[in-house]
Structure formats: structure tokens, C-alpha cells
Protein backbone atom coordinates (compact mmCIF):
# COMPACT_ATOMS: atom_id res chain seq x y z
CA MET A 1 104.60 96.72 89.48
CA PRO A 2 105.47 96.70 85.81
CA HIS A 3 102.47 96.30 83.46
CA SER A 4 102.01 93.06 81.63
CA GLY A 5 104.01 94.25 78.30
CA GLN A 6 106.83 95.14 80.47
CA LEU A 7 106.72 92.39 82.31
CA HIS A 8 106.89 90.08 79.25
CA LEU A 9 109.97 92.04 77.74
CA ILE A 10 112.26 91.36 81.39
CA LEU A 11 111.25 87.53 80.68
CA LEU A 12 112.47 87.67 76.88
CA PHE A 13 115.53 89.84 77.89
CA ALA A 14 116.26 87.32 80.98
CA LEU A 15 115.74 84.18 78.38
CA LYS A 16 118.32 85.59 76.05
CA LEU A 17 120.57 86.24 78.82
CA PHE A 18 120.36 83.02 80.87
CA ARG A 19 121.00 81.25 77.48
CA ASN A 20 124.57 82.95 77.50
CA LEU A 21 125.08 82.21 80.92
CA ASP A 22 125.75 79.10 83.24
CA ILE A 23 123.44 79.41 85.85
CA SER A 24 121.41 76.56 87.36
CA ARG A 25 118.14 75.08 86.04
CA ALA A 26 116.48 75.86 88.75
CA ILE A 27 116.64 79.81 87.64
CA ARG A 28 115.90 78.78 84.18
CA ALA A 29 113.17 76.68 84.91
CA LYS A 30 111.92 79.40 87.53
CA VAL A 31 111.96 82.23 84.87
CA LEU A 32 109.88 79.21 82.35
CA VAL A 33 107.28 79.00 84.91
CA MET A 34 106.51 83.02 85.36
CA ALA A 35 106.71 83.34 81.49
CA SER A 36 103.74 80.75 81.49
CA ALA A 37 101.65 80.74 84.37
CA LEU A 38 98.53 82.35 81.66
CA PRO A 39 98.31 78.52 79.90
CA PHE A 40 97.13 77.88 83.53
CA VAL A 41 95.22 80.43 84.82
CA LYS A 42 93.13 80.33 81.27
CA ARG A 43 92.69 76.39 82.46
CA VAL A 44 91.00 77.24 85.65
CA TRP A 45 88.82 80.24 84.14
CA SER A 46 87.49 77.42 81.32
CA SER A 47 86.71 75.38 84.52
CA PHE A 48 84.55 78.12 86.20
CA LEU A 49 82.56 78.56 82.93
CA ALA A 50 82.06 75.13 82.14
CA THR A 51 80.64 74.32 85.85
CA SER A 52 79.89 77.29 87.47
CA GLY A 53 76.57 79.01 87.58
CA LEU A 54 77.50 83.05 87.58
CA GLU A 55 80.46 83.52 85.73
CA PRO A 56 79.46 81.91 82.06
CA ILE A 57 75.97 84.08 82.39
CA LEU A 58 77.28 87.53 83.61
CA ILE A 59 80.83 87.43 81.97
CA PRO A 60 81.69 84.69 79.88
CA ARG A 61 83.52 87.51 77.19
CA LEU A 62 86.39 88.40 80.07
CA LYS A 63 89.76 88.14 78.59
CA LEU A 64 92.80 87.17 80.07
CA LEU A 65 95.51 88.93 78.85
CA ASP A 66 98.56 87.94 81.74
CA ALA A 67 99.38 85.72 83.91
CA VAL A 68 102.51 85.41 86.69
CA PRO A 69 102.82 83.45 89.61
CA GLY A 70 101.02 85.83 91.76
CA TYR A 71 99.20 88.27 89.60
CA VAL A 72 96.86 88.24 86.66
CA LYS A 73 95.31 91.33 84.31
CA MET A 74 92.20 90.89 82.74
CA GLU A 75 90.21 93.12 80.55
CA LEU A 76 86.56 93.64 80.05
CA THR A 77 84.21 95.16 77.75
CA ILE A 78 80.86 96.53 79.56
CA GLU A 79 77.67 95.32 78.14
CA LYS A 80 74.10 95.90 79.20
CA SER A 81 73.82 92.66 81.54
CA HIS A 82 76.65 94.75 83.68
CA THR A 83 75.00 97.96 84.34
CA ASN A 84 72.16 99.49 86.50
CA ARG A 85 69.61 101.43 86.26
CA LEU A 86 71.92 104.46 85.70
CA GLN A 87 73.33 102.88 82.64
CA ILE A 88 76.76 102.58 84.71
CA LEU A 89 78.86 99.55 85.58
CA HIS A 90 76.75 97.93 88.37
CA GLY A 91 78.27 97.90 91.73
CA GLY A 92 77.49 93.85 92.14
CA THR A 93 78.89 93.36 89.09
CA VAL A 94 82.26 94.54 90.49
CA ALA A 95 81.75 92.55 93.23
CA SER A 96 81.52 89.48 91.37
CA LEU A 97 84.71 90.44 89.59
CA VAL A 98 86.81 90.77 92.81
CA ASP A 99 85.45 87.25 93.65
CA LEU A 100 86.85 85.91 90.52
CA ALA A 101 89.39 87.78 89.81
CA GLY A 102 91.19 86.79 93.34
CA SER A 103 90.42 83.48 92.60
CA LEU A 104 92.41 84.01 89.22
CA ALA A 105 95.22 85.63 91.34
CA VAL A 106 95.15 82.19 94.01
CA SER A 107 94.99 79.90 90.49
CA SER A 108 97.99 81.66 89.08
CA ARG A 109 99.93 80.29 92.31
CA GLY A 110 99.39 76.78 90.72
CA MET A 111 95.81 76.30 92.66
CA TYR A 112 93.18 74.75 90.04
CA SER A 113 91.02 74.43 93.69
CA THR A 114 90.73 77.74 94.35
CA GLY A 115 89.04 77.30 97.90
CA VAL A 116 85.84 79.73 99.14
CA SER A 117 85.35 82.97 100.38
CA THR A 118 85.67 84.12 103.74
CA ASP A 119 85.72 88.03 103.55
CA LEU A 120 85.47 90.35 100.42
CA ASN A 121 85.56 93.84 100.30
CA VAL A 122 85.28 96.81 97.55
CA THR A 123 85.74 100.26 97.64
CA TYR A 124 84.59 102.24 94.67
CA ILE A 125 86.05 105.26 93.89
CA SER A 126 84.14 106.43 90.56
CA SER A 127 82.20 105.35 88.06
CA GLY A 128 83.64 102.63 86.06
CA GLY A 129 81.52 103.06 82.72
CA LYS A 130 78.99 102.44 80.35
CA VAL A 131 78.14 100.00 77.95
CA GLY A 132 80.83 99.75 75.19
CA ASP A 133 83.61 101.06 77.46
CA LYS A 134 86.37 98.44 78.46
CA ILE A 135 88.16 97.79 81.45
CA PHE A 136 91.37 96.36 82.90
CA ILE A 137 91.43 94.23 86.08
CA GLU A 138 94.72 93.66 87.88
CA SER A 139 94.55 91.26 91.00
CA LYS A 140 97.36 89.68 92.92
CA CYS A 141 97.79 87.20 95.51
CA HIS A 142 99.79 88.52 98.42
CA LYS A 143 100.02 85.62 100.59
CA LEU A 144 98.87 81.79 99.78
CA GLY A 145 99.38 79.82 103.57
CA ARG A 146 98.12 76.53 104.47
CA ASN A 147 95.06 77.60 105.10
CA LEU A 148 94.18 81.11 103.74
CA ALA A 149 95.22 82.96 100.61
CA PHE A 150 94.86 86.83 100.63
CA THR A 151 94.64 88.83 97.15
CA SER A 152 93.94 92.13 96.17
CA VAL A 153 92.18 93.37 93.14
CA GLU A 154 92.06 96.67 91.36
CA PHE A 155 90.05 98.58 88.45
CA PHE A 156 91.35 100.66 85.54
CA LYS A 157 89.20 102.89 82.90
CA SER A 158 91.08 101.95 79.82
CA HIS A 159 91.04 104.95 78.36
CA LYS A 160 93.03 106.78 81.34
CA TYR A 161 94.22 103.90 83.15
CA GLU A 162 92.28 105.73 85.56
CA LEU A 163 91.78 103.46 88.99
CA PHE A 164 87.47 103.42 89.76
CA ALA A 165 87.43 100.47 92.34
CA ARG A 166 89.52 98.34 94.48
CA GLY A 167 88.94 95.17 96.51
CA THR A 168 89.87 92.67 98.93
CA HIS A 169 89.24 88.88 99.04
CA THR A 170 90.17 86.56 101.36
CA LYS A 171 89.96 82.55 100.65
CA TYR A 172 89.67 79.60 102.37
CA ILE A 173 92.16 76.70 100.85
CA ALA A 174 92.58 74.22 103.42
CA ALA A 175 90.79 71.62 101.81
CA ALA A 176 91.49 73.00 98.15
CA ILE A 177 95.31 73.04 98.62
CA LYS A 178 94.72 69.10 98.71
CA ASP A 179 93.51 69.61 94.87
CA GLU A 180 95.44 66.37 92.49
CA ASN A 181 95.32 69.61 89.82
CA ASN A 182 97.09 71.79 91.39
CA ARG A 183 100.47 72.73 90.20
CA LEU A 184 101.81 74.72 93.97
CA GLU A 185 105.74 73.59 92.87
CA GLU A 186 105.68 74.92 89.37
CA TYR A 187 104.07 78.27 89.92
CA LYS A 188 105.54 79.82 93.42
CA ALA A 189 106.02 83.11 93.60
């Protein structure tokens, strides 16, 4: 998948091209939605910060960098509260981020209410870094069904964009899919 900067350039090019072509409004609307998933995901993230017990304490300074339907990119600077006794990124922090990033990937598909976890898996490949290091997190929602959503999350060291952990997260969404704040039709992947 192209990185966020490449996606934005592709979408901007497509928008310029579409203005000069006689194409359907549906296609133009789809491109505009893909360019605008970030505000919706930021709204969901703000809700997590306002109502959750964990995220405001553990990762309040997580930055959302990009979002299109089915994909979210984030950045986090490692702080002391994210580390273990070896002073490196704690595996529990990574697992919590798999949970959150998977939820935000689901939100990028128009789900304001993102359901509950049924399965979460993390594979640690190498150390994620120490206090002051930046990491990038990329999450994808591969399938959004009537009952379950399937996501994957990858973690990269910022200085080399080297993969250091990855995870999967399955969510039960049957009740959440009925939330009146959802925007499923607007954010189809």
C-alpha cells in the first residue's frame, strides 16, 4: 500500500483530473470521501479520550496522521509511561495500541461505535525503542461484516521505518453497527 503522502498526491491528482472529465457524481463523491476519512477518525479518537479509562492515561499524545476508508496511520513518541523496567517500549503498550489502532481502522470505515474485542494477537519482532523515539503505527480494516470486523496493525521504528511488531484484532460489531453516529455509507472501502 502506498504511504500517506503518496495517497494524498494520488487523490489530489484524481480530483484535478475529475474536474476536467465528465464522470459520475458517485465516483467524484467516493474520491472526496477517501480524502476526508481523517476528520471522522479524529472525532472517534476524541471520543475515546473523553470517555475511556485507558487511552487518556496511556497514550493521550498519539497523533493521527492519515486515514482513508480501511486504513489509518498514527505516530507516537515513546514516553517513560510506555516503557518496561529495561527502559524500552513495553509489550503491554504495544498490545494496547493493537487494540486501539484496530478500533480506529474500523472507525475509518464509518463506524463511530467500534464494537468489542473478540481476539487480539501480537507478534514482537524486535525492540520498539526507548524514551524519545518515535514510532509509526499503520492499521487496516480488512473486512467489516454484519457481526465481525477483522483488522491488522503494523509498528515501525521511525528512523528506518523498520517493522518491529505486528498484530491482529477481531471485533464483534453486531450491536455497534446500529449506532446512529455511524457513517457506513459515506466510508465504504
